[in-house]
Amino acid sequence: MKHTGEPVVLTVNGKAEIVVQDAQCDQKLLDGLERLEAIARIKQGW
């Protein structure tokens, strides 16, 4: 995970149960979501 930056999916009985990712990737995801929400508010005329 540290080398590739890719999240790790942990399974239970063959089904995805938990996704583990590093803090930097998590922050990038949250930042991207925040930007998309801001764009949506602008488009709605906030």
N, C-alpha and C. Protein backbone atom coordinates (compact mmCIF):
# COMPACT_ATOMS: atom_id res chain seq x y z
N MET A 1 0.83 -1.18 0.00
CA MET A 1 0.00 0.00 0.00
C MET A 1 0.88 1.25 0.00
N LYS A 2 1.93 1.27 0.77
CA LYS A 2 2.81 2.44 0.81
C LYS A 2 3.53 2.63 -0.52
N HIS A 3 3.87 1.56 -1.18
CA HIS A 3 4.61 1.66 -2.43
C HIS A 3 3.72 2.04 -3.61
N THR A 4 2.51 1.49 -3.66
CA THR A 4 1.65 1.72 -4.82
C THR A 4 0.65 2.85 -4.61
N GLY A 5 0.32 3.14 -3.36
CA GLY A 5 -0.70 4.13 -3.07
C GLY A 5 -2.11 3.59 -3.24
N GLU A 6 -2.21 2.34 -3.62
CA GLU A 6 -3.50 1.71 -3.84
C GLU A 6 -4.08 1.22 -2.52
N PRO A 7 -5.39 1.35 -2.35
CA PRO A 7 -6.01 0.84 -1.14
C PRO A 7 -6.00 -0.68 -1.13
N VAL A 8 -6.16 -1.25 0.06
CA VAL A 8 -6.21 -2.70 0.23
C VAL A 8 -7.63 -3.05 0.64
N VAL A 9 -8.21 -4.02 -0.06
CA VAL A 9 -9.56 -4.47 0.25
C VAL A 9 -9.47 -5.76 1.04
N LEU A 10 -10.05 -5.76 2.23
CA LEU A 10 -10.09 -6.95 3.06
C LEU A 10 -11.45 -7.61 2.89
N THR A 11 -11.43 -8.92 2.75
CA THR A 11 -12.68 -9.64 2.49
C THR A 11 -13.03 -10.57 3.64
N VAL A 12 -14.32 -10.85 3.75
CA VAL A 12 -14.83 -11.85 4.67
C VAL A 12 -15.73 -12.75 3.84
N ASN A 13 -15.41 -14.04 3.84
CA ASN A 13 -16.16 -15.00 3.03
C ASN A 13 -16.24 -14.59 1.57
N GLY A 14 -15.15 -14.01 1.06
CA GLY A 14 -15.06 -13.65 -0.34
C GLY A 14 -15.73 -12.35 -0.73
N LYS A 15 -16.28 -11.62 0.24
CA LYS A 15 -16.95 -10.35 -0.06
C LYS A 15 -16.17 -9.20 0.58
N ALA A 16 -16.06 -8.09 -0.16
CA ALA A 16 -15.35 -6.92 0.37
C ALA A 16 -16.03 -6.46 1.66
N GLU A 17 -15.23 -6.26 2.70
CA GLU A 17 -15.75 -5.86 3.99
C GLU A 17 -15.15 -4.55 4.48
N ILE A 18 -13.84 -4.37 4.25
CA ILE A 18 -13.14 -3.19 4.73
C ILE A 18 -12.13 -2.75 3.67
N VAL A 19 -12.02 -1.43 3.49
CA VAL A 19 -11.00 -0.87 2.60
C VAL A 19 -10.05 -0.06 3.46
N VAL A 20 -8.76 -0.33 3.33
CA VAL A 20 -7.74 0.39 4.10
C VAL A 20 -6.91 1.20 3.11
N GLN A 21 -6.73 2.49 3.41
CA GLN A 21 -5.89 3.33 2.57
C GLN A 21 -5.06 4.25 3.46
N ASP A 22 -3.98 4.77 2.92
CA ASP A 22 -3.13 5.64 3.74
C ASP A 22 -3.78 7.01 3.93
N ALA A 23 -3.32 7.73 4.92
CA ALA A 23 -3.92 9.01 5.29
C ALA A 23 -3.83 10.04 4.17
N GLN A 24 -2.74 10.04 3.42
CA GLN A 24 -2.57 11.01 2.33
C GLN A 24 -3.62 10.78 1.24
N CYS A 25 -3.86 9.55 0.87
CA CYS A 25 -4.88 9.24 -0.14
C CYS A 25 -6.26 9.59 0.39
N ASP A 26 -6.50 9.34 1.66
CA ASP A 26 -7.78 9.68 2.26
C ASP A 26 -8.01 11.19 2.20
N GLN A 27 -6.99 11.96 2.50
CA GLN A 27 -7.12 13.42 2.47
C GLN A 27 -7.38 13.92 1.06
N LYS A 28 -6.71 13.33 0.06
CA LYS A 28 -6.95 13.71 -1.32
C LYS A 28 -8.39 13.43 -1.71
N LEU A 29 -8.93 12.31 -1.27
CA LEU A 29 -10.31 11.96 -1.55
C LEU A 29 -11.26 12.97 -0.93
N LEU A 30 -11.02 13.33 0.33
CA LEU A 30 -11.86 14.30 1.02
C LEU A 30 -11.77 15.68 0.37
N ASP A 31 -10.57 16.08 -0.04
CA ASP A 31 -10.38 17.37 -0.72
C ASP A 31 -11.15 17.41 -2.03
N GLY A 32 -11.09 16.32 -2.78
CA GLY A 32 -11.81 16.24 -4.04
C GLY A 32 -13.32 16.31 -3.84
N LEU A 33 -13.80 15.64 -2.83
CA LEU A 33 -15.22 15.69 -2.51
C LEU A 33 -15.65 17.10 -2.14
N GLU A 34 -14.83 17.77 -1.35
CA GLU A 34 -15.13 19.15 -0.96
C GLU A 34 -15.22 20.07 -2.19
N ARG A 35 -14.29 19.90 -3.13
CA ARG A 35 -14.32 20.70 -4.36
C ARG A 35 -15.58 20.43 -5.17
N LEU A 36 -15.94 19.16 -5.30
CA LEU A 36 -17.14 18.82 -6.06
C LEU A 36 -18.40 19.38 -5.41
N GLU A 37 -18.45 19.36 -4.08
CA GLU A 37 -19.60 19.92 -3.38
C GLU A 37 -19.67 21.44 -3.58
N ALA A 38 -18.52 22.10 -3.58
CA ALA A 38 -18.49 23.55 -3.81
C ALA A 38 -18.97 23.88 -5.22
N ILE A 39 -18.53 23.10 -6.19
CA ILE A 39 -18.97 23.32 -7.57
C ILE A 39 -20.47 23.12 -7.69
N ALA A 40 -20.99 22.09 -7.04
CA ALA A 40 -22.44 21.83 -7.09
C ALA A 40 -23.20 22.99 -6.47
N ARG A 41 -22.71 23.56 -5.36
CA ARG A 41 -23.38 24.71 -4.73
C ARG A 41 -23.35 25.93 -5.65
N ILE A 42 -22.23 26.13 -6.32
CA ILE A 42 -22.12 27.27 -7.25
C ILE A 42 -23.11 27.10 -8.40
N LYS A 43 -23.22 25.89 -8.92
CA LYS A 43 -24.16 25.64 -10.02
C LYS A 43 -25.61 25.83 -9.58
N GLN A 44 -25.88 25.58 -8.30
CA GLN A 44 -27.24 25.75 -7.78
C GLN A 44 -27.53 27.21 -7.41
N GLY A 45 -26.52 28.07 -7.51
CA GLY A 45 -26.70 29.49 -7.27
C GLY A 45 -26.55 29.93 -5.83
N TRP A 46 -25.80 29.19 -5.07
CA TRP A 46 -25.56 29.56 -3.67
C TRP A 46 -24.76 30.81 -3.60
